[in-house]
């Protein structure tokens, strides 16, 4: 199957930062793909809020998100692109395999865009 984030069991910078934050704020919680995806999405929102500035309103935030061309700052290093007609941000996917116990592991295939 595919994931929209890197392997939770991997060692990419975003995964390591996510695991550190998870351990700090939710000790004992297991890392999973759903919360990793939420972590990435929250970091994109935080970056947009920073770019919006102190005069925050809904329209300005939406405008910033629509014009956010490069969101490499922060923990999400792959190139994310937003635009007036591009709301997906990333088309990158990572392969994940289920082992015989039903646990996930990175597949041997390369990631794709």
PDB file of N, CA and C in Angstrom:
ATOM      1  N   UNK A   1       0.838  -1.163   0.000  1.00  0.00           N
ATOM      2  CA  UNK A   1       0.000   0.000   0.000  1.00  0.00           C
ATOM      3  C   UNK A   1       0.888   1.232   0.000  1.00  0.00           C
ATOM      4  N   UNK A   2       0.271   2.395  -0.124  1.00  0.00           N
ATOM      5  CA  UNK A   2       1.054   3.622  -0.164  1.00  0.00           C
ATOM      6  C   UNK A   2       0.684   4.541   0.997  1.00  0.00           C
ATOM      7  N   UNK A   3       1.616   5.411   1.333  1.00  0.00           N
ATOM      8  CA  UNK A   3       1.425   6.409   2.385  1.00  0.00           C
ATOM      9  C   UNK A   3       1.781   7.771   1.803  1.00  0.00           C
ATOM     10  N   UNK A   4       1.259   8.823   2.398  1.00  0.00           N
ATOM     11  CA  UNK A   4       1.589  10.177   1.956  1.00  0.00           C
ATOM     12  C   UNK A   4       2.668  10.802   2.828  1.00  0.00           C
ATOM     13  N   UNK A   5       3.221  10.029   3.725  1.00  0.00           N
ATOM     14  CA  UNK A   5       4.325  10.454   4.590  1.00  0.00           C
ATOM     15  C   UNK A   5       5.372   9.335   4.592  1.00  0.00           C
ATOM     16  N   UNK A   6       6.608   9.671   4.976  1.00  0.00           N
ATOM     17  CA  UNK A   6       7.644   8.626   5.040  1.00  0.00           C
ATOM     18  C   UNK A   6       7.311   7.571   6.095  1.00  0.00           C
ATOM     19  N   UNK A   7       8.038   6.488   6.049  1.00  0.00           N
ATOM     20  CA  UNK A   7       7.827   5.389   6.986  1.00  0.00           C
ATOM     21  C   UNK A   7       7.995   5.844   8.427  1.00  0.00           C
ATOM     22  N   UNK A   8       7.035   5.520   9.265  1.00  0.00           N
ATOM     23  CA  UNK A   8       7.077   5.862  10.689  1.00  0.00           C
ATOM     24  C   UNK A   8       8.273   5.196  11.354  1.00  0.00           C
ATOM     25  N   UNK A   9       8.686   4.069  10.848  1.00  0.00           N
ATOM     26  CA  UNK A   9       9.832   3.360  11.427  1.00  0.00           C
ATOM     27  C   UNK A   9      11.158   3.852  10.863  1.00  0.00           C
ATOM     28  N   UNK A  10      11.108   4.829   9.954  1.00  0.00           N
ATOM     29  CA  UNK A  10      12.318   5.307   9.297  1.00  0.00           C
ATOM     30  C   UNK A  10      13.064   6.349  10.104  1.00  0.00           C
ATOM     31  N   UNK A  11      14.081   6.921   9.466  1.00  0.00           N
ATOM     32  CA  UNK A  11      14.975   7.858  10.133  1.00  0.00           C
ATOM     33  C   UNK A  11      15.080   9.192   9.393  1.00  0.00           C
ATOM     34  N   UNK A  12      14.063   9.533   8.603  1.00  0.00           N
ATOM     35  CA  UNK A  12      14.096  10.832   7.932  1.00  0.00           C
ATOM     36  C   UNK A  12      13.963  11.926   8.984  1.00  0.00           C
ATOM     37  N   UNK A  13      14.389  13.130   8.638  1.00  0.00           N
ATOM     38  CA  UNK A  13      14.369  14.218   9.621  1.00  0.00           C
ATOM     39  C   UNK A  13      12.961  14.499  10.137  1.00  0.00           C
ATOM     40  N   UNK A  14      11.963  14.452   9.269  1.00  0.00           N
ATOM     41  CA  UNK A  14      10.591  14.730   9.714  1.00  0.00           C
ATOM     42  C   UNK A  14      10.111  13.656  10.687  1.00  0.00           C
ATOM     43  N   UNK A  15      10.448  12.409  10.428  1.00  0.00           N
ATOM     44  CA  UNK A  15      10.030  11.318  11.316  1.00  0.00           C
ATOM     45  C   UNK A  15      10.712  11.444  12.674  1.00  0.00           C
ATOM     46  N   UNK A  16      11.987  11.754  12.675  1.00  0.00           N
ATOM     47  CA  UNK A  16      12.707  11.907  13.945  1.00  0.00           C
ATOM     48  C   UNK A  16      12.164  13.091  14.740  1.00  0.00           C
ATOM     49  N   UNK A  17      11.888  14.209  14.079  1.00  0.00           N
ATOM     50  CA  UNK A  17      11.324  15.371  14.768  1.00  0.00           C
ATOM     51  C   UNK A  17       9.929  15.059  15.311  1.00  0.00           C
ATOM     52  N   UNK A  18       9.140  14.348  14.511  1.00  0.00           N
ATOM     53  CA  UNK A  18       7.795  13.934  14.941  1.00  0.00           C
ATOM     54  C   UNK A  18       7.877  13.033  16.170  1.00  0.00           C
ATOM     55  N   UNK A  19       8.767  12.051  16.137  1.00  0.00           N
ATOM     56  CA  UNK A  19       8.897  11.130  17.268  1.00  0.00           C
ATOM     57  C   UNK A  19       9.370  11.855  18.528  1.00  0.00           C
ATOM     58  N   UNK A  20      10.259  12.818  18.374  1.00  0.00           N
ATOM     59  CA  UNK A  20      10.704  13.606  19.529  1.00  0.00           C
ATOM     60  C   UNK A  20       9.546  14.407  20.114  1.00  0.00           C
ATOM     61  N   UNK A  21       8.755  15.038  19.255  1.00  0.00           N
ATOM     62  CA  UNK A  21       7.596  15.806  19.734  1.00  0.00           C
ATOM     63  C   UNK A  21       6.565  14.886  20.374  1.00  0.00           C
ATOM     64  N   UNK A  22       6.341  13.726  19.780  1.00  0.00           N
ATOM     65  CA  UNK A  22       5.385  12.762  20.332  1.00  0.00           C
ATOM     66  C   UNK A  22       5.824  12.313  21.721  1.00  0.00           C
ATOM     67  N   UNK A  23       7.108  11.994  21.868  1.00  0.00           N
ATOM     68  CA  UNK A  23       7.628  11.552  23.165  1.00  0.00           C
ATOM     69  C   UNK A  23       7.549  12.665  24.207  1.00  0.00           C
ATOM     70  N   UNK A  24       7.778  13.902  23.779  1.00  0.00           N
ATOM     71  CA  UNK A  24       7.756  15.031  24.705  1.00  0.00           C
ATOM     72  C   UNK A  24       6.336  15.355  25.178  1.00  0.00           C
ATOM     73  N   UNK A  25       5.390  15.410  24.241  1.00  0.00           N
ATOM     74  CA  UNK A  25       4.043  15.861  24.573  1.00  0.00           C
ATOM     75  C   UNK A  25       3.049  14.736  24.855  1.00  0.00           C
ATOM     76  N   UNK A  26       3.347  13.540  24.368  1.00  0.00           N
ATOM     77  CA  UNK A  26       2.463  12.390  24.583  1.00  0.00           C
ATOM     78  C   UNK A  26       3.290  11.157  24.911  1.00  0.00           C
ATOM     79  N   UNK A  27       3.988  11.170  26.051  1.00  0.00           N
ATOM     80  CA  UNK A  27       4.847  10.039  26.399  1.00  0.00           C
ATOM     81  C   UNK A  27       4.051   8.736  26.432  1.00  0.00           C
ATOM     82  N   UNK A  28       4.645   7.713  25.882  1.00  0.00           N
ATOM     83  CA  UNK A  28       3.999   6.409  25.890  1.00  0.00           C
ATOM     84  C   UNK A  28       3.114   6.147  24.678  1.00  0.00           C
ATOM     85  N   UNK A  29       2.783   7.183  23.902  1.00  0.00           N
ATOM     86  CA  UNK A  29       1.974   6.987  22.696  1.00  0.00           C
ATOM     87  C   UNK A  29       2.840   6.418  21.582  1.00  0.00           C
ATOM     88  N   UNK A  30       2.314   5.474  20.864  1.00  0.00           N
ATOM     89  CA  UNK A  30       3.050   4.867  19.749  1.00  0.00           C
ATOM     90  C   UNK A  30       2.934   5.747  18.504  1.00  0.00           C
ATOM     91  N   UNK A  31       4.034   5.856  17.789  1.00  0.00           N
ATOM     92  CA  UNK A  31       4.033   6.585  16.523  1.00  0.00           C
ATOM     93  C   UNK A  31       3.183   5.825  15.513  1.00  0.00           C
ATOM     94  N   UNK A  32       2.417   6.557  14.712  1.00  0.00           N
ATOM     95  CA  UNK A  32       1.643   5.932  13.639  1.00  0.00           C
ATOM     96  C   UNK A  32       1.505   6.892  12.465  1.00  0.00           C
ATOM     97  N   UNK A  33       1.056   6.359  11.347  1.00  0.00           N
ATOM     98  CA  UNK A  33       0.970   7.148  10.127  1.00  0.00           C
ATOM     99  C   UNK A  33      -0.058   8.272  10.231  1.00  0.00           C
ATOM    100  N   UNK A  34      -1.142   8.050  10.917  1.00  0.00           N
ATOM    101  CA  UNK A  34      -2.192   9.069  11.028  1.00  0.00           C
ATOM    102  C   UNK A  34      -1.682  10.282  11.788  1.00  0.00           C
ATOM    103  N   UNK A  35      -1.043  10.067  12.935  1.00  0.00           N
ATOM    104  CA  UNK A  35      -0.555  11.214  13.698  1.00  0.00           C
ATOM    105  C   UNK A  35       0.652  11.868  13.018  1.00  0.00           C
ATOM    106  N   UNK A  36       1.465  11.099  12.290  1.00  0.00           N
ATOM    107  CA  UNK A  36       2.562  11.698  11.523  1.00  0.00           C
ATOM    108  C   UNK A  36       2.000  12.609  10.439  1.00  0.00           C
ATOM    109  N   UNK A  37       0.984  12.170   9.740  1.00  0.00           N
ATOM    110  CA  UNK A  37       0.369  13.014   8.715  1.00  0.00           C
ATOM    111  C   UNK A  37      -0.221  14.280   9.344  1.00  0.00           C
ATOM    112  N   UNK A  38      -0.847  14.143  10.506  1.00  0.00           N
ATOM    113  CA  UNK A  38      -1.364  15.311  11.218  1.00  0.00           C
ATOM    114  C   UNK A  38      -0.251  16.261  11.627  1.00  0.00           C
ATOM    115  N   UNK A  39       0.872  15.727  12.052  1.00  0.00           N
ATOM    116  CA  UNK A  39       2.027  16.533  12.431  1.00  0.00           C
ATOM    117  C   UNK A  39       2.530  17.343  11.236  1.00  0.00           C
ATOM    118  N   UNK A  40       2.624  16.693  10.087  1.00  0.00           N
ATOM    119  CA  UNK A  40       3.070  17.379   8.873  1.00  0.00           C
ATOM    120  C   UNK A  40       2.079  18.483   8.505  1.00  0.00           C
ATOM    121  N   UNK A  41       0.788  18.159   8.505  1.00  0.00           N
ATOM    122  CA  UNK A  41      -0.241  19.147   8.157  1.00  0.00           C
ATOM    123  C   UNK A  41      -0.209  20.335   9.118  1.00  0.00           C
ATOM    124  N   UNK A  42      -0.030  20.065  10.405  1.00  0.00           N
ATOM    125  CA  UNK A  42       0.033  21.146  11.391  1.00  0.00           C
ATOM    126  C   UNK A  42       1.245  22.037  11.136  1.00  0.00           C
ATOM    127  N   UNK A  43       2.366  21.449  10.743  1.00  0.00           N
ATOM    128  CA  UNK A  43       3.548  22.250  10.454  1.00  0.00           C
ATOM    129  C   UNK A  43       3.366  23.121   9.222  1.00  0.00           C
ATOM    130  N   UNK A  44       2.638  22.629   8.233  1.00  0.00           N
ATOM    131  CA  UNK A  44       2.324  23.456   7.060  1.00  0.00           C
ATOM    132  C   UNK A  44       1.451  24.633   7.494  1.00  0.00           C
ATOM    133  N   UNK A  45       0.455  24.375   8.328  1.00  0.00           N
ATOM    134  CA  UNK A  45      -0.411  25.447   8.821  1.00  0.00           C
ATOM    135  C   UNK A  45       0.388  26.460   9.639  1.00  0.00           C
ATOM    136  N   UNK A  46       1.269  25.984  10.497  1.00  0.00           N
ATOM    137  CA  UNK A  46       2.101  26.889  11.303  1.00  0.00           C
ATOM    138  C   UNK A  46       2.939  27.793  10.402  1.00  0.00           C
ATOM    139  N   UNK A  47       3.530  27.219   9.353  1.00  0.00           N
ATOM    140  CA  UNK A  47       4.316  28.015   8.414  1.00  0.00           C
ATOM    141  C   UNK A  47       3.435  29.070   7.747  1.00  0.00           C
ATOM    142  N   UNK A  48       2.234  28.699   7.345  1.00  0.00           N
ATOM    143  CA  UNK A  48       1.313  29.660   6.722  1.00  0.00           C
ATOM    144  C   UNK A  48       0.930  30.761   7.702  1.00  0.00           C
ATOM    145  N   UNK A  49       0.694  30.405   8.958  1.00  0.00           N
ATOM    146  CA  UNK A  49       0.354  31.405   9.968  1.00  0.00           C
ATOM    147  C   UNK A  49       1.513  32.379  10.180  1.00  0.00           C
ATOM    148  N   UNK A  50       2.733  31.867  10.181  1.00  0.00           N
ATOM    149  CA  UNK A  50       3.902  32.737  10.317  1.00  0.00           C
ATOM    150  C   UNK A  50       3.983  33.710   9.148  1.00  0.00           C
ATOM    151  N   UNK A  51       3.721  33.215   7.947  1.00  0.00           N
ATOM    152  CA  UNK A  51       3.783  34.065   6.754  1.00  0.00           C
ATOM    153  C   UNK A  51       2.620  35.059   6.708  1.00  0.00           C
ATOM    154  N   UNK A  52       1.518  34.734   7.338  1.00  0.00           N
ATOM    155  CA  UNK A  52       0.361  35.631   7.362  1.00  0.00           C
ATOM    156  C   UNK A  52       0.644  36.850   8.219  1.00  0.00           C
ATOM    157  N   UNK A  53       1.350  36.678   9.318  1.00  0.00           N
ATOM    158  CA  UNK A  53       1.687  37.795  10.178  1.00  0.00           C
ATOM    159  C   UNK A  53       0.638  38.049  11.239  1.00  0.00           C
ATOM    160  N   UNK A  54       0.824  39.122  12.001  1.00  0.00           N
ATOM    161  CA  UNK A  54      -0.035  39.375  13.171  1.00  0.00           C
ATOM    162  C   UNK A  54      -1.473  39.791  12.835  1.00  0.00           C
ATOM    163  N   UNK A  55      -1.715  40.312  11.636  1.00  0.00           N
ATOM    164  CA  UNK A  55      -3.078  40.716  11.254  1.00  0.00           C
ATOM    165  C   UNK A  55      -3.783  39.520  10.610  1.00  0.00           C
ATOM    166  N   UNK A  56      -4.045  38.500  11.419  1.00  0.00           N
ATOM    167  CA  UNK A  56      -4.631  37.262  10.922  1.00  0.00           C
ATOM    168  C   UNK A  56      -6.126  37.407  10.662  1.00  0.00           C
ATOM    169  N   UNK A  57      -6.539  37.002   9.485  1.00  0.00           N
ATOM    170  CA  UNK A  57      -7.955  36.800   9.194  1.00  0.00           C
ATOM    171  C   UNK A  57      -8.047  35.673   8.175  1.00  0.00           C
ATOM    172  N   UNK A  58      -9.222  35.117   8.043  1.00  0.00           N
ATOM    173  CA  UNK A  58      -9.411  33.923   7.211  1.00  0.00           C
ATOM    174  C   UNK A  58      -8.974  34.148   5.774  1.00  0.00           C
ATOM    175  N   UNK A  59      -9.392  35.247   5.182  1.00  0.00           N
ATOM    176  CA  UNK A  59      -9.060  35.516   3.776  1.00  0.00           C
ATOM    177  C   UNK A  59      -7.556  35.656   3.562  1.00  0.00           C
ATOM    178  N   UNK A  60      -6.884  36.326   4.485  1.00  0.00           N
ATOM    179  CA  UNK A  60      -5.436  36.495   4.359  1.00  0.00           C
ATOM    180  C   UNK A  60      -4.725  35.147   4.486  1.00  0.00           C
ATOM    181  N   UNK A  61      -5.170  34.318   5.429  1.00  0.00           N
ATOM    182  CA  UNK A  61      -4.570  32.990   5.593  1.00  0.00           C
ATOM    183  C   UNK A  61      -4.768  32.146   4.334  1.00  0.00           C
ATOM    184  N   UNK A  62      -5.965  32.166   3.790  1.00  0.00           N
ATOM    185  CA  UNK A  62      -6.237  31.409   2.553  1.00  0.00           C
ATOM    186  C   UNK A  62      -5.361  31.919   1.421  1.00  0.00           C
ATOM    187  N   UNK A  63      -5.221  33.231   1.314  1.00  0.00           N
ATOM    188  CA  UNK A  63      -4.383  33.807   0.270  1.00  0.00           C
ATOM    189  C   UNK A  63      -2.932  33.367   0.435  1.00  0.00           C
ATOM    190  N   UNK A  64      -2.433  33.376   1.667  1.00  0.00           N
ATOM    191  CA  UNK A  64      -1.060  32.928   1.921  1.00  0.00           C
ATOM    192  C   UNK A  64      -0.910  31.456   1.531  1.00  0.00           C
ATOM    193  N   UNK A  65      -1.865  30.619   1.927  1.00  0.00           N
ATOM    194  CA  UNK A  65      -1.785  29.192   1.576  1.00  0.00           C
ATOM    195  C   UNK A  65      -1.804  29.002   0.060  1.00  0.00           C
ATOM    196  N   UNK A  66      -2.655  29.739  -0.636  1.00  0.00           N
ATOM    197  CA  UNK A  66      -2.748  29.601  -2.099  1.00  0.00           C
ATOM    198  C   UNK A  66      -1.489  30.070  -2.809  1.00  0.00           C
ATOM    199  N   UNK A  67      -0.744  30.952  -2.164  1.00  0.00           N
ATOM    200  CA  UNK A  67       0.466  31.496  -2.792  1.00  0.00           C
ATOM    201  C   UNK A  67       1.742  30.952  -2.176  1.00  0.00           C
ATOM    202  N   UNK A  68       1.632  29.976  -1.310  1.00  0.00           N
ATOM    203  CA  UNK A  68       2.801  29.382  -0.690  1.00  0.00           C
ATOM    204  C   UNK A  68       3.477  28.486  -1.719  1.00  0.00           C
ATOM    205  N   UNK A  69       4.550  28.951  -2.257  1.00  0.00           N
ATOM    206  CA  UNK A  69       5.227  28.217  -3.326  1.00  0.00           C
ATOM    207  C   UNK A  69       6.231  27.215  -2.803  1.00  0.00           C
ATOM    208  N   UNK A  70       6.805  27.500  -1.660  1.00  0.00           N
ATOM    209  CA  UNK A  70       7.870  26.633  -1.168  1.00  0.00           C
ATOM    210  C   UNK A  70       7.784  26.587   0.348  1.00  0.00           C
ATOM    211  N   UNK A  71       7.492  25.409   0.870  1.00  0.00           N
ATOM    212  CA  UNK A  71       7.371  25.261   2.318  1.00  0.00           C
ATOM    213  C   UNK A  71       8.450  24.341   2.852  1.00  0.00           C
ATOM    214  N   UNK A  72       9.685  24.555   2.437  1.00  0.00           N
ATOM    215  CA  UNK A  72      10.771  23.707   2.915  1.00  0.00           C
ATOM    216  C   UNK A  72      11.245  24.108   4.297  1.00  0.00           C
ATOM    217  N   UNK A  73      10.887  25.299   4.742  1.00  0.00           N
ATOM    218  CA  UNK A  73      11.283  25.660   6.095  1.00  0.00           C
ATOM    219  C   UNK A  73      10.460  24.839   7.065  1.00  0.00           C
ATOM    220  N   UNK A  74      10.968  24.660   8.238  1.00  0.00           N
ATOM    221  CA  UNK A  74      10.291  23.771   9.176  1.00  0.00           C
ATOM    222  C   UNK A  74      10.715  22.348   8.905  1.00  0.00           C
ATOM    223  N   UNK A  75      10.062  21.404   9.545  1.00  0.00           N
ATOM    224  CA  UNK A  75      10.540  20.026   9.473  1.00  0.00           C
ATOM    225  C   UNK A  75      10.226  19.295   8.168  1.00  0.00           C
ATOM    226  N   UNK A  76       9.311  19.809   7.358  1.00  0.00           N
ATOM    227  CA  UNK A  76       8.923  19.083   6.145  1.00  0.00           C
ATOM    228  C   UNK A  76       9.843  19.483   5.017  1.00  0.00           C
ATOM    229  N   UNK A  77      10.855  18.698   4.731  1.00  0.00           N
ATOM    230  CA  UNK A  77      11.877  19.083   3.770  1.00  0.00           C
ATOM    231  C   UNK A  77      11.498  18.834   2.311  1.00  0.00           C
ATOM    232  N   UNK A  78      10.706  17.831   1.970  1.00  0.00           N
ATOM    233  CA  UNK A  78      10.365  17.710   0.548  1.00  0.00           C
ATOM    234  C   UNK A  78       9.646  18.969   0.076  1.00  0.00           C
ATOM    235  N   UNK A  79       9.837  19.276  -1.165  1.00  0.00           N
ATOM    236  CA  UNK A  79       9.252  20.471  -1.758  1.00  0.00           C
ATOM    237  C   UNK A  79       7.726  20.378  -1.757  1.00  0.00           C
ATOM    238  N   UNK A  80       7.080  21.317  -1.095  1.00  0.00           N
ATOM    239  CA  UNK A  80       5.618  21.405  -1.089  1.00  0.00           C
ATOM    240  C   UNK A  80       5.223  22.624  -1.893  1.00  0.00           C
ATOM    241  N   UNK A  81       4.260  22.456  -2.780  1.00  0.00           N
ATOM    242  CA  UNK A  81       3.827  23.560  -3.622  1.00  0.00           C
ATOM    243  C   UNK A  81       2.326  23.740  -3.490  1.00  0.00           C
ATOM    244  N   UNK A  82       1.930  24.954  -3.190  1.00  0.00           N
ATOM    245  CA  UNK A  82       0.523  25.325  -3.188  1.00  0.00           C
ATOM    246  C   UNK A  82       0.323  26.347  -4.295  1.00  0.00           C
ATOM    247  N   UNK A  83      -0.890  26.517  -4.701  1.00  0.00           N
ATOM    248  CA  UNK A  83      -1.216  27.537  -5.685  1.00  0.00           C
ATOM    249  C   UNK A  83      -2.717  27.701  -5.761  1.00  0.00           C
ATOM    250  N   UNK A  84      -3.151  28.600  -6.603  1.00  0.00           N
ATOM    251  CA  UNK A  84      -4.584  28.861  -6.735  1.00  0.00           C
ATOM    252  C   UNK A  84      -5.342  27.606  -7.162  1.00  0.00           C
ATOM    253  N   UNK A  85      -4.691  26.763  -7.960  1.00  0.00           N
ATOM    254  CA  UNK A  85      -5.341  25.532  -8.408  1.00  0.00           C
ATOM    255  C   UNK A  85      -4.656  24.287  -7.855  1.00  0.00           C
ATOM    256  N   UNK A  86      -3.709  24.454  -6.960  1.00  0.00           N
ATOM    257  CA  UNK A  86      -2.956  23.328  -6.399  1.00  0.00           C
ATOM    258  C   UNK A  86      -3.109  23.329  -4.888  1.00  0.00           C
ATOM    259  N   UNK A  87      -3.971  22.454  -4.397  1.00  0.00           N
ATOM    260  CA  UNK A  87      -4.237  22.379  -2.965  1.00  0.00           C
ATOM    261  C   UNK A  87      -3.675  21.107  -2.342  1.00  0.00           C
ATOM    262  N   UNK A  88      -3.108  20.238  -3.143  1.00  0.00           N
ATOM    263  CA  UNK A  88      -2.582  18.964  -2.662  1.00  0.00           C
ATOM    264  C   UNK A  88      -1.249  19.128  -1.929  1.00  0.00           C
ATOM    265  N   UNK A  89      -0.437  20.082  -2.346  1.00  0.00           N
ATOM    266  CA  UNK A  89       0.868  20.404  -1.772  1.00  0.00           C
ATOM    267  C   UNK A  89       1.939  19.400  -2.185  1.00  0.00           C
ATOM    268  N   UNK A  90       1.701  18.138  -2.033  1.00  0.00           N
ATOM    269  CA  UNK A  90       2.697  17.135  -2.384  1.00  0.00           C
ATOM    270  C   UNK A  90       2.007  15.952  -3.060  1.00  0.00           C
ATOM    271  N   UNK A  91       2.652  15.472  -4.103  1.00  0.00           N
ATOM    272  CA  UNK A  91       2.136  14.285  -4.795  1.00  0.00           C
ATOM    273  C   UNK A  91       3.053  13.091  -4.553  1.00  0.00           C
ATOM    274  N   UNK A  92       3.938  13.235  -3.609  1.00  0.00           N
ATOM    275  CA  UNK A  92       4.894  12.180  -3.279  1.00  0.00           C
ATOM    276  C   UNK A  92       4.193  11.091  -2.468  1.00  0.00           C
ATOM    277  N   UNK A  93       4.535   9.857  -2.739  1.00  0.00           N
ATOM    278  CA  UNK A  93       4.004   8.728  -1.975  1.00  0.00           C
ATOM    279  C   UNK A  93       5.151   7.789  -1.603  1.00  0.00           C
ATOM    280  N   UNK A  94       4.949   7.080  -0.514  1.00  0.00           N
ATOM    281  CA  UNK A  94       5.937   6.110  -0.039  1.00  0.00           C
ATOM    282  C   UNK A  94       5.264   4.747   0.042  1.00  0.00           C
ATOM    283  N   UNK A  95       5.944   3.734  -0.440  1.00  0.00           N
ATOM    284  CA  UNK A  95       5.418   2.381  -0.368  1.00  0.00           C
ATOM    285  C   UNK A  95       5.543   1.808   1.030  1.00  0.00           C
ATOM    286  N   UNK A  96       4.526   1.086   1.445  1.00  0.00           N
ATOM    287  CA  UNK A  96       4.512   0.433   2.746  1.00  0.00           C
ATOM    288  C   UNK A  96       4.001  -0.992   2.552  1.00  0.00           C
ATOM    289  N   UNK A  97       4.606  -1.928   3.230  1.00  0.00           N
ATOM    290  CA  UNK A  97       4.181  -3.325   3.152  1.00  0.00           C
ATOM    291  C   UNK A  97       3.694  -3.778   4.518  1.00  0.00           C
ATOM    292  N   UNK A  98       2.770  -4.705   4.512  1.00  0.00           N
ATOM    293  CA  UNK A  98       2.322  -5.343   5.746  1.00  0.00           C
ATOM    294  C   UNK A  98       3.055  -6.663   5.887  1.00  0.00           C
ATOM    295  N   UNK A  99       3.577  -6.925   7.077  1.00  0.00           N
ATOM    296  CA  UNK A  99       4.216  -8.217   7.295  1.00  0.00           C
ATOM    297  C   UNK A  99       3.165  -9.233   7.742  1.00  0.00           C
ATOM    298  N   UNK A 100       3.603 -10.426   8.050  1.00  0.00           N
ATOM    299  CA  UNK A 100       2.668 -11.501   8.404  1.00  0.00           C
ATOM    300  C   UNK A 100       1.890 -11.235   9.696  1.00  0.00           C
ATOM    301  N   UNK A 101       2.373 -10.304  10.523  1.00  0.00           N
ATOM    302  CA  UNK A 101       1.656  -9.984  11.761  1.00  0.00           C
ATOM    303  C   UNK A 101       0.689  -8.808  11.586  1.00  0.00           C
ATOM    304  N   UNK A 102       0.693  -8.205  10.386  1.00  0.00           N
ATOM    305  CA  UNK A 102      -0.163  -7.046  10.141  1.00  0.00           C
ATOM    306  C   UNK A 102       0.505  -5.730  10.468  1.00  0.00           C
ATOM    307  N   UNK A 103       1.780  -5.765  10.817  1.00  0.00           N
ATOM    308  CA  UNK A 103       2.529  -4.540  11.097  1.00  0.00           C
ATOM    309  C   UNK A 103       3.053  -3.954   9.794  1.00  0.00           C
ATOM    310  N   UNK A 104       3.186  -2.636   9.759  1.00  0.00           N
ATOM    311  CA  UNK A 104       3.701  -1.993   8.552  1.00  0.00           C
ATOM    312  C   UNK A 104       5.206  -1.898   8.598  1.00  0.00           C
ATOM    313  N   UNK A 105       5.787  -1.880   7.424  1.00  0.00           N
ATOM    314  CA  UNK A 105       7.219  -1.666   7.261  1.00  0.00           C
ATOM    315  C   UNK A 105       7.420  -1.011   5.908  1.00  0.00           C
ATOM    316  N   UNK A 106       8.485  -0.233   5.737  1.00  0.00           N
ATOM    317  CA  UNK A 106       8.749   0.369   4.421  1.00  0.00           C
ATOM    318  C   UNK A 106       8.894  -0.725   3.381  1.00  0.00           C
ATOM    319  N   UNK A 107       8.344  -0.509   2.207  1.00  0.00           N
ATOM    320  CA  UNK A 107       8.526  -1.493   1.144  1.00  0.00           C
ATOM    321  C   UNK A 107       9.898  -1.309   0.530  1.00  0.00           C
ATOM    322  N   UNK A 108      10.296  -2.246  -0.281  1.00  0.00           N
ATOM    323  CA  UNK A 108      11.605  -2.163  -0.921  1.00  0.00           C
ATOM    324  C   UNK A 108      11.579  -1.249  -2.148  1.00  0.00           C
ATOM    325  N   UNK A 109      10.384  -0.835  -2.572  1.00  0.00           N
ATOM    326  CA  UNK A 109      10.314   0.024  -3.747  1.00  0.00           C
ATOM    327  C   UNK A 109      10.679   1.458  -3.390  1.00  0.00           C
ATOM    328  N   UNK A 110      11.103   2.208  -4.380  1.00  0.00           N
ATOM    329  CA  UNK A 110      11.441   3.610  -4.172  1.00  0.00           C
ATOM    330  C   UNK A 110      10.160   4.419  -3.988  1.00  0.00           C
ATOM    331  N   UNK A 111      10.313   5.608  -3.383  1.00  0.00           N
ATOM    332  CA  UNK A 111       9.147   6.465  -3.292  1.00  0.00           C
ATOM    333  C   UNK A 111       8.882   7.102  -4.649  1.00  0.00           C
ATOM    334  N   UNK A 112       7.677   7.560  -4.848  1.00  0.00           N
ATOM    335  CA  UNK A 112       7.258   8.077  -6.146  1.00  0.00           C
ATOM    336  C   UNK A 112       6.564   9.413  -5.991  1.00  0.00           C
ATOM    337  N   UNK A 113       6.575  10.161  -7.084  1.00  0.00           N
ATOM    338  CA  UNK A 113       5.814  11.398  -7.108  1.00  0.00           C
ATOM    339  C   UNK A 113       4.715  11.274  -8.119  1.00  0.00           C
TER     340      UNK A 113
END
